[in-house]
Amino acid sequence: MRKKIGFFTAIGLVSLGLVQFAAFAADNPCQEAQEILGLALAAQTKRETDPPPALMVTEVLPLSQAALLGIAKGDEIEQINSWRAHDCQSYSRAVQDARGEQKAILLLIIRKGRRQTLAFEPEIWVRKEKEKQEKKPSRLYKPCSPHHSQQT
């Protein structure tokens, strides 16, 4: 079970590139690319008489791409690109496909019984990779010349 985090902690994670969430996301297909998209999902359990299952948005990180698009906790994701989002594995495969091809992600969501589409631009993959590279520590030191290392 995941721990809830506070608003300021979440903002700190967003500004740090969501490093902590990246490790968690790799273990759970419903959190695929959470460090980039900024949303966490859970599979819904429905009765047999209900329509096909969808994924429920359980968390939207502040200042994330998902938050900027207006995705809200409680939204149901019915489809991602051309994939039906009936379980976490289908969501994960669709996100991996989009990431690998650096394609946009088009979501069909249901909010309060109404369907709407939202799109993550394809540039998110390149932009986030570039940010990740910029955050890597660089070598700022230069080796000392031999005469500086000798004691006099």
C-alpha atoms as a PDB file:
ATOM      1  CA  MET A   1       0.000   0.000   0.000  1.00  0.00           C
ATOM      2  CA  ARG A   2       1.283   3.460  -0.866  1.00  0.00           C
ATOM      3  CA  LYS A   3       1.652   6.203   1.671  1.00  0.00           C
ATOM      4  CA  LYS A   4      -0.146   9.483   1.107  1.00  0.00           C
ATOM      5  CA  ILE A   5       2.160  12.428   0.677  1.00  0.00           C
ATOM      6  CA  GLY A   6       1.581  16.046   1.521  1.00  0.00           C
ATOM      7  CA  PHE A   7       1.232  18.890  -0.934  1.00  0.00           C
ATOM      8  CA  PHE A   8       4.692  20.349  -0.263  1.00  0.00           C
ATOM      9  CA  THR A   9       6.336  16.948  -0.481  1.00  0.00           C
ATOM     10  CA  ALA A  10       4.679  16.397  -3.845  1.00  0.00           C
ATOM     11  CA  ILE A  11       5.870  19.778  -5.100  1.00  0.00           C
ATOM     12  CA  GLY A  12       9.387  18.893  -3.979  1.00  0.00           C
ATOM     13  CA  LEU A  13       9.204  15.618  -5.859  1.00  0.00           C
ATOM     14  CA  VAL A  14       7.979  17.356  -8.981  1.00  0.00           C
ATOM     15  CA  SER A  15      10.856  19.820  -8.822  1.00  0.00           C
ATOM     16  CA  LEU A  16      13.318  16.953  -8.312  1.00  0.00           C
ATOM     17  CA  GLY A  17      12.102  15.148 -11.407  1.00  0.00           C
ATOM     18  CA  LEU A  18       9.987  12.663  -9.428  1.00  0.00           C
ATOM     19  CA  VAL A  19      12.949  10.410  -8.801  1.00  0.00           C
ATOM     20  CA  GLN A  20      11.246   8.665  -5.887  1.00  0.00           C
ATOM     21  CA  PHE A  21       8.186   7.816  -7.975  1.00  0.00           C
ATOM     22  CA  ALA A  22      10.253   6.427 -10.834  1.00  0.00           C
ATOM     23  CA  ALA A  23      11.477   3.530  -8.703  1.00  0.00           C
ATOM     24  CA  PHE A  24       7.956   2.704  -7.527  1.00  0.00           C
ATOM     25  CA  ALA A  25       6.455   2.933 -10.988  1.00  0.00           C
ATOM     26  CA  ALA A  26       8.730   0.251 -12.394  1.00  0.00           C
ATOM     27  CA  ASP A  27       7.190  -2.328 -10.026  1.00  0.00           C
ATOM     28  CA  ASN A  28       3.520  -1.584 -10.729  1.00  0.00           C
ATOM     29  CA  PRO A  29       2.064  -1.519 -14.262  1.00  0.00           C
ATOM     30  CA  CYS A  30      -0.641   0.945 -13.149  1.00  0.00           C
ATOM     31  CA  GLN A  31       2.114   3.472 -12.416  1.00  0.00           C
ATOM     32  CA  GLU A  32       3.861   3.149 -15.786  1.00  0.00           C
ATOM     33  CA  ALA A  33       5.635   6.433 -16.608  1.00  0.00           C
ATOM     34  CA  GLN A  34       4.205   8.094 -13.499  1.00  0.00           C
ATOM     35  CA  GLU A  35       7.348  10.207 -13.232  1.00  0.00           C
ATOM     36  CA  ILE A  36       6.497  11.703 -16.630  1.00  0.00           C
ATOM     37  CA  LEU A  37       2.698  11.697 -16.756  1.00  0.00           C
ATOM     38  CA  GLY A  38       2.020  12.345 -13.069  1.00  0.00           C
ATOM     39  CA  LEU A  39      -0.871   9.985 -12.474  1.00  0.00           C
ATOM     40  CA  ALA A  40      -1.499   6.790 -10.556  1.00  0.00           C
ATOM     41  CA  LEU A  41      -4.241   4.346 -11.489  1.00  0.00           C
ATOM     42  CA  ALA A  42      -6.020   1.329 -10.060  1.00  0.00           C
ATOM     43  CA  ALA A  43      -8.094  -1.315 -11.780  1.00  0.00           C
ATOM     44  CA  GLN A  44     -11.780  -1.112 -10.917  1.00  0.00           C
ATOM     45  CA  THR A  45     -13.647  -4.151  -9.795  1.00  0.00           C
ATOM     46  CA  LYS A  46     -17.118  -4.230 -11.267  1.00  0.00           C
ATOM     47  CA  ARG A  47     -20.084  -6.538 -11.199  1.00  0.00           C
ATOM     48  CA  GLU A  48     -20.719  -8.836 -14.157  1.00  0.00           C
ATOM     49  CA  THR A  49     -23.674  -6.697 -15.271  1.00  0.00           C
ATOM     50  CA  ASP A  50     -21.569  -3.532 -15.497  1.00  0.00           C
ATOM     51  CA  PRO A  51     -19.865  -2.369 -18.709  1.00  0.00           C
ATOM     52  CA  PRO A  52     -16.279  -3.532 -19.329  1.00  0.00           C
ATOM     53  CA  PRO A  53     -13.911  -2.427 -16.557  1.00  0.00           C
ATOM     54  CA  ALA A  54     -11.852   0.722 -16.788  1.00  0.00           C
ATOM     55  CA  LEU A  55      -8.960   2.130 -14.809  1.00  0.00           C
ATOM     56  CA  MET A  56      -9.620   4.674 -12.076  1.00  0.00           C
ATOM     57  CA  VAL A  57      -7.311   7.644 -11.486  1.00  0.00           C
ATOM     58  CA  THR A  58      -6.304   7.367  -7.827  1.00  0.00           C
ATOM     59  CA  GLU A  59      -3.788  10.197  -7.683  1.00  0.00           C
ATOM     60  CA  VAL A  60      -2.722  13.190  -9.759  1.00  0.00           C
ATOM     61  CA  LEU A  61       0.553  14.771  -8.748  1.00  0.00           C
ATOM     62  CA  PRO A  62       0.486  18.566  -8.394  1.00  0.00           C
ATOM     63  CA  LEU A  63       2.142  20.455 -11.249  1.00  0.00           C
ATOM     64  CA  SER A  64       2.412  17.261 -13.327  1.00  0.00           C
ATOM     65  CA  GLN A  65       1.450  16.853 -16.974  1.00  0.00           C
ATOM     66  CA  ALA A  66      -1.755  15.099 -15.865  1.00  0.00           C
ATOM     67  CA  ALA A  67      -2.653  17.992 -13.551  1.00  0.00           C
ATOM     68  CA  LEU A  68      -2.004  20.510 -16.330  1.00  0.00           C
ATOM     69  CA  LEU A  69      -4.360  18.565 -18.625  1.00  0.00           C
ATOM     70  CA  GLY A  70      -7.085  18.634 -15.993  1.00  0.00           C
ATOM     71  CA  ILE A  71      -7.124  14.928 -15.177  1.00  0.00           C
ATOM     72  CA  ALA A  72      -8.746  14.478 -11.774  1.00  0.00           C
ATOM     73  CA  LYS A  73      -8.830  11.829  -9.090  1.00  0.00           C
ATOM     74  CA  GLY A  74     -11.820   9.605  -9.780  1.00  0.00           C
ATOM     75  CA  ASP A  75     -11.684   9.921 -13.572  1.00  0.00           C
ATOM     76  CA  GLU A  76     -12.016   6.596 -15.364  1.00  0.00           C
ATOM     77  CA  ILE A  77      -9.634   5.861 -18.220  1.00  0.00           C
ATOM     78  CA  GLU A  78     -11.490   3.825 -20.794  1.00  0.00           C
ATOM     79  CA  GLN A  79      -8.956   3.915 -23.616  1.00  0.00           C
ATOM     80  CA  ILE A  80      -5.351   4.974 -24.168  1.00  0.00           C
ATOM     81  CA  ASN A  81      -4.454   5.532 -27.810  1.00  0.00           C
ATOM     82  CA  SER A  82      -5.939   2.505 -29.574  1.00  0.00           C
ATOM     83  CA  TRP A  83      -5.742   0.256 -26.495  1.00  0.00           C
ATOM     84  CA  ARG A  84      -8.706  -0.545 -24.231  1.00  0.00           C
ATOM     85  CA  ALA A  85      -7.650   0.286 -20.679  1.00  0.00           C
ATOM     86  CA  HIS A  86      -9.378  -2.577 -18.912  1.00  0.00           C
ATOM     87  CA  ASP A  87      -6.446  -3.492 -16.645  1.00  0.00           C
ATOM     88  CA  CYS A  88      -3.039  -2.260 -15.534  1.00  0.00           C
ATOM     89  CA  GLN A  89      -1.155  -4.448 -18.013  1.00  0.00           C
ATOM     90  CA  SER A  90      -3.006  -2.981 -21.015  1.00  0.00           C
ATOM     91  CA  TYR A  91      -2.309   0.528 -19.705  1.00  0.00           C
ATOM     92  CA  SER A  92       1.372  -0.299 -19.227  1.00  0.00           C
ATOM     93  CA  ARG A  93       1.706  -1.754 -22.738  1.00  0.00           C
ATOM     94  CA  ALA A  94       0.036   1.295 -24.284  1.00  0.00           C
ATOM     95  CA  VAL A  95       2.309   3.721 -22.412  1.00  0.00           C
ATOM     96  CA  GLN A  96       5.416   1.689 -23.280  1.00  0.00           C
ATOM     97  CA  ASP A  97       4.346   1.689 -26.929  1.00  0.00           C
ATOM     98  CA  ALA A  98       3.867   5.474 -26.899  1.00  0.00           C
ATOM     99  CA  ARG A  99       7.159   6.018 -25.085  1.00  0.00           C
ATOM    100  CA  GLY A 100       9.103   3.714 -27.405  1.00  0.00           C
ATOM    101  CA  GLU A 101       7.716   5.390 -30.517  1.00  0.00           C
ATOM    102  CA  GLN A 102       7.701   8.834 -28.836  1.00  0.00           C
ATOM    103  CA  LYS A 103       4.034   9.228 -29.726  1.00  0.00           C
ATOM    104  CA  ALA A 104       1.341  11.338 -28.144  1.00  0.00           C
ATOM    105  CA  ILE A 105      -0.927   9.720 -25.586  1.00  0.00           C
ATOM    106  CA  LEU A 106      -4.624  10.185 -26.246  1.00  0.00           C
ATOM    107  CA  LEU A 107      -6.867   9.264 -23.322  1.00  0.00           C
ATOM    108  CA  LEU A 108     -10.587   8.617 -23.462  1.00  0.00           C
ATOM    109  CA  ILE A 109     -11.796   9.354 -19.949  1.00  0.00           C
ATOM    110  CA  ILE A 110     -15.167   9.209 -18.269  1.00  0.00           C
ATOM    111  CA  ARG A 111     -15.949  11.902 -15.716  1.00  0.00           C
ATOM    112  CA  LYS A 112     -19.368  11.998 -14.080  1.00  0.00           C
ATOM    113  CA  GLY A 113     -20.801   9.790 -16.815  1.00  0.00           C
ATOM    114  CA  ARG A 114     -19.501  11.930 -19.700  1.00  0.00           C
ATOM    115  CA  ARG A 115     -16.734  10.910 -22.080  1.00  0.00           C
ATOM    116  CA  GLN A 116     -13.977  13.297 -23.063  1.00  0.00           C
ATOM    117  CA  THR A 117     -10.575  13.057 -24.680  1.00  0.00           C
ATOM    118  CA  LEU A 118      -7.328  14.460 -23.345  1.00  0.00           C
ATOM    119  CA  ALA A 119      -3.906  14.310 -24.972  1.00  0.00           C
ATOM    120  CA  PHE A 120      -0.346  14.298 -23.706  1.00  0.00           C
ATOM    121  CA  GLU A 121       1.855  15.825 -26.398  1.00  0.00           C
ATOM    122  CA  PRO A 122       4.581  13.567 -27.847  1.00  0.00           C
ATOM    123  CA  GLU A 123       7.280  16.034 -26.789  1.00  0.00           C
ATOM    124  CA  ILE A 124       6.854  14.966 -23.136  1.00  0.00           C
ATOM    125  CA  TRP A 125       9.098  11.955 -23.753  1.00  0.00           C
ATOM    126  CA  VAL A 126      11.967  14.019 -25.183  1.00  0.00           C
ATOM    127  CA  ARG A 127      11.548  16.885 -22.721  1.00  0.00           C
ATOM    128  CA  LYS A 128      11.557  14.601 -19.672  1.00  0.00           C
ATOM    129  CA  GLU A 129      14.594  12.680 -20.932  1.00  0.00           C
ATOM    130  CA  LYS A 130      16.413  15.984 -21.467  1.00  0.00           C
ATOM    131  CA  GLU A 131      15.507  17.128 -17.920  1.00  0.00           C
ATOM    132  CA  LYS A 132      16.764  13.815 -16.565  1.00  0.00           C
ATOM    133  CA  GLN A 133      20.101  14.275 -18.342  1.00  0.00           C
ATOM    134  CA  GLU A 134      20.442  17.851 -17.042  1.00  0.00           C
ATOM    135  CA  LYS A 135      19.948  16.675 -13.454  1.00  0.00           C
ATOM    136  CA  LYS A 136      22.841  14.219 -13.608  1.00  0.00           C
ATOM    137  CA  PRO A 137      25.834  15.549 -11.673  1.00  0.00           C
ATOM    138  CA  SER A 138      28.632  16.772 -13.836  1.00  0.00           C
ATOM    139  CA  ARG A 139      32.301  16.752 -13.054  1.00  0.00           C
ATOM    140  CA  LEU A 140      33.093  20.229 -11.847  1.00  0.00           C
ATOM    141  CA  TYR A 141      36.557  19.532 -10.560  1.00  0.00           C
ATOM    142  CA  LYS A 142      39.847  19.563 -12.398  1.00  0.00           C
ATOM    143  CA  PRO A 143      42.835  17.539 -11.336  1.00  0.00           C
ATOM    144  CA  CYS A 144      45.407  19.588  -9.521  1.00  0.00           C
ATOM    145  CA  SER A 145      48.725  20.155 -11.099  1.00  0.00           C
ATOM    146  CA  PRO A 146      51.567  18.088  -9.581  1.00  0.00           C
ATOM    147  CA  HIS A 147      53.177  21.023  -7.766  1.00  0.00           C
ATOM    148  CA  HIS A 148      49.927  21.740  -5.848  1.00  0.00           C
ATOM    149  CA  SER A 149      49.739  18.237  -4.426  1.00  0.00           C
ATOM    150  CA  GLN A 150      53.301  18.312  -3.029  1.00  0.00           C
ATOM    151  CA  GLN A 151      53.817  19.637   0.445  1.00  0.00           C
ATOM    152  CA  THR A 152      56.536  22.204   0.983  1.00  0.00           C
END
